[in-house]
C-alpha atoms as a PDB file:
ATOM      1  CA  MET A   1     -17.843 -37.969 -31.932  1.00  0.00           C
ATOM      2  CA  SER A   2     -15.504 -36.029 -29.690  1.00  0.00           C
ATOM      3  CA  ALA A   3     -14.606 -36.559 -26.073  1.00  0.00           C
ATOM      4  CA  ASP A   4     -13.265 -34.035 -23.643  1.00  0.00           C
ATOM      5  CA  SER A   5     -10.672 -35.265 -21.196  1.00  0.00           C
ATOM      6  CA  ALA A   6      -8.461 -33.801 -18.536  1.00  0.00           C
ATOM      7  CA  VAL A   7      -5.145 -35.096 -17.304  1.00  0.00           C
ATOM      8  CA  THR A   8      -3.827 -34.201 -13.872  1.00  0.00           C
ATOM      9  CA  PHE A   9      -0.282 -34.852 -12.658  1.00  0.00           C
ATOM     10  CA  SER A  10       0.757 -34.891  -9.026  1.00  0.00           C
ATOM     11  CA  SER A  11       4.298 -34.623  -7.753  1.00  0.00           C
ATOM     12  CA  VAL A  12       5.208 -36.302  -4.482  1.00  0.00           C
ATOM     13  CA  PRO A  13       8.633 -35.308  -3.148  1.00  0.00           C
ATOM     14  CA  SER A  14      10.752 -38.104  -1.774  1.00  0.00           C
ATOM     15  CA  GLU A  15      14.347 -38.311  -0.568  1.00  0.00           C
ATOM     16  CA  ALA A  16      14.684 -41.940  -1.663  1.00  0.00           C
ATOM     17  CA  ARG A  17      14.190 -42.459  -5.375  1.00  0.00           C
ATOM     18  CA  SER A  18      13.629 -46.191  -5.638  1.00  0.00           C
ATOM     19  CA  TRP A  19      13.091 -46.062  -9.382  1.00  0.00           C
ATOM     20  CA  SER A  20      16.400 -44.399 -10.199  1.00  0.00           C
ATOM     21  CA  ILE A  21      19.525 -46.232 -11.292  1.00  0.00           C
ATOM     22  CA  PRO A  22      22.097 -46.389  -8.477  1.00  0.00           C
ATOM     23  CA  SER A  23      25.332 -44.539  -9.185  1.00  0.00           C
ATOM     24  CA  GLU A  24      27.420 -47.498  -7.982  1.00  0.00           C
ATOM     25  CA  ASP A  25      26.952 -51.242  -8.327  1.00  0.00           C
ATOM     26  CA  PRO A  26      25.838 -52.533  -4.890  1.00  0.00           C
ATOM     27  CA  TYR A  27      27.482 -55.911  -5.523  1.00  0.00           C
ATOM     28  CA  GLU A  28      30.796 -54.263  -6.386  1.00  0.00           C
ATOM     29  CA  GLU A  29      30.621 -52.155  -3.240  1.00  0.00           C
ATOM     30  CA  ALA A  30      29.836 -55.212  -1.064  1.00  0.00           C
ATOM     31  CA  ALA A  31      32.676 -57.217  -2.632  1.00  0.00           C
ATOM     32  CA  GLN A  32      35.110 -54.359  -2.030  1.00  0.00           C
ATOM     33  CA  GLN A  33      34.059 -54.139   1.631  1.00  0.00           C
ATOM     34  CA  LEU A  34      34.557 -57.893   2.075  1.00  0.00           C
ATOM     35  CA  PHE A  35      37.964 -57.742   0.397  1.00  0.00           C
ATOM     36  CA  GLU A  36      39.077 -54.978   2.767  1.00  0.00           C
ATOM     37  CA  GLN A  37      37.889 -56.936   5.817  1.00  0.00           C
ATOM     38  CA  VAL A  38      39.515 -60.288   4.982  1.00  0.00           C
ATOM     39  CA  PRO A  39      42.965 -60.631   6.588  1.00  0.00           C
ATOM     40  CA  HIS A  40      45.801 -62.162   4.605  1.00  0.00           C
ATOM     41  CA  PRO A  41      46.863 -65.656   5.697  1.00  0.00           C
ATOM     42  CA  LEU A  42      50.024 -65.860   7.783  1.00  0.00           C
ATOM     43  CA  GLU A  43      51.794 -67.759   4.977  1.00  0.00           C
ATOM     44  CA  TYR A  44      51.176 -64.881   2.548  1.00  0.00           C
ATOM     45  CA  VAL A  45      54.361 -63.122   1.449  1.00  0.00           C
ATOM     46  CA  PRO A  46      53.638 -59.916  -0.526  1.00  0.00           C
ATOM     47  CA  ARG A  47      56.817 -60.084  -2.617  1.00  0.00           C
ATOM     48  CA  ASP A  48      58.576 -62.360  -5.088  1.00  0.00           C
ATOM     49  CA  HIS A  49      59.959 -65.418  -3.371  1.00  0.00           C
ATOM     50  CA  VAL A  50      61.241 -68.886  -4.182  1.00  0.00           C
ATOM     51  CA  PRO A  51      58.827 -71.628  -3.114  1.00  0.00           C
ATOM     52  CA  VAL A  52      60.159 -74.101  -0.568  1.00  0.00           C
ATOM     53  CA  PHE A  53      58.658 -77.104  -2.358  1.00  0.00           C
ATOM     54  CA  VAL A  54      58.678 -77.554  -6.135  1.00  0.00           C
ATOM     55  CA  PRO A  55      56.793 -80.668  -7.254  1.00  0.00           C
ATOM     56  CA  GLU A  56      58.461 -83.018  -9.724  1.00  0.00           C
ATOM     57  CA  PHE A  57      56.754 -83.921 -12.979  1.00  0.00           C
ATOM     58  CA  GLU A  58      54.898 -87.218 -12.795  1.00  0.00           C
ATOM     59  CA  HIS A  59      55.707 -88.091 -16.417  1.00  0.00           C
ATOM     60  CA  PRO A  60      58.845 -86.210 -17.525  1.00  0.00           C
ATOM     61  CA  GLU A  61      58.958 -88.301 -20.718  1.00  0.00           C
ATOM     62  CA  ASP A  62      55.855 -86.415 -21.912  1.00  0.00           C
ATOM     63  CA  LEU A  63      57.586 -83.020 -21.780  1.00  0.00           C
ATOM     64  CA  VAL A  64      58.572 -81.417 -25.065  1.00  0.00           C
ATOM     65  CA  PRO A  65      62.255 -80.372 -25.109  1.00  0.00           C
ATOM     66  CA  ALA A  66      62.950 -76.662 -25.478  1.00  0.00           C
ATOM     67  CA  GLU A  67      64.345 -75.386 -28.760  1.00  0.00           C
ATOM     68  CA  GLY A  68      68.049 -76.205 -28.980  1.00  0.00           C
ATOM     69  CA  GLU A  69      67.794 -78.762 -26.185  1.00  0.00           C
ATOM     70  CA  ALA A  70      68.662 -82.369 -26.942  1.00  0.00           C
ATOM     71  CA  PRO A  71      65.941 -84.922 -26.121  1.00  0.00           C
ATOM     72  CA  THR A  72      66.795 -87.267 -23.263  1.00  0.00           C
END
């Protein structure tokens, strides 16, 4: 038993190829745009600086002395 068959292909041109893989990650692009739009807070200092407040340890007795340092 043999069967004859015909296959026909049609090409439809389109500017938008929804099935293709995007060249850039849309989430990465959106995150980058948000990052560029967010202003820095007024307290932000874009350089090395000494903090005004340095918290004290709550339990200094739990700290391990550095090498060569006598325990207190």
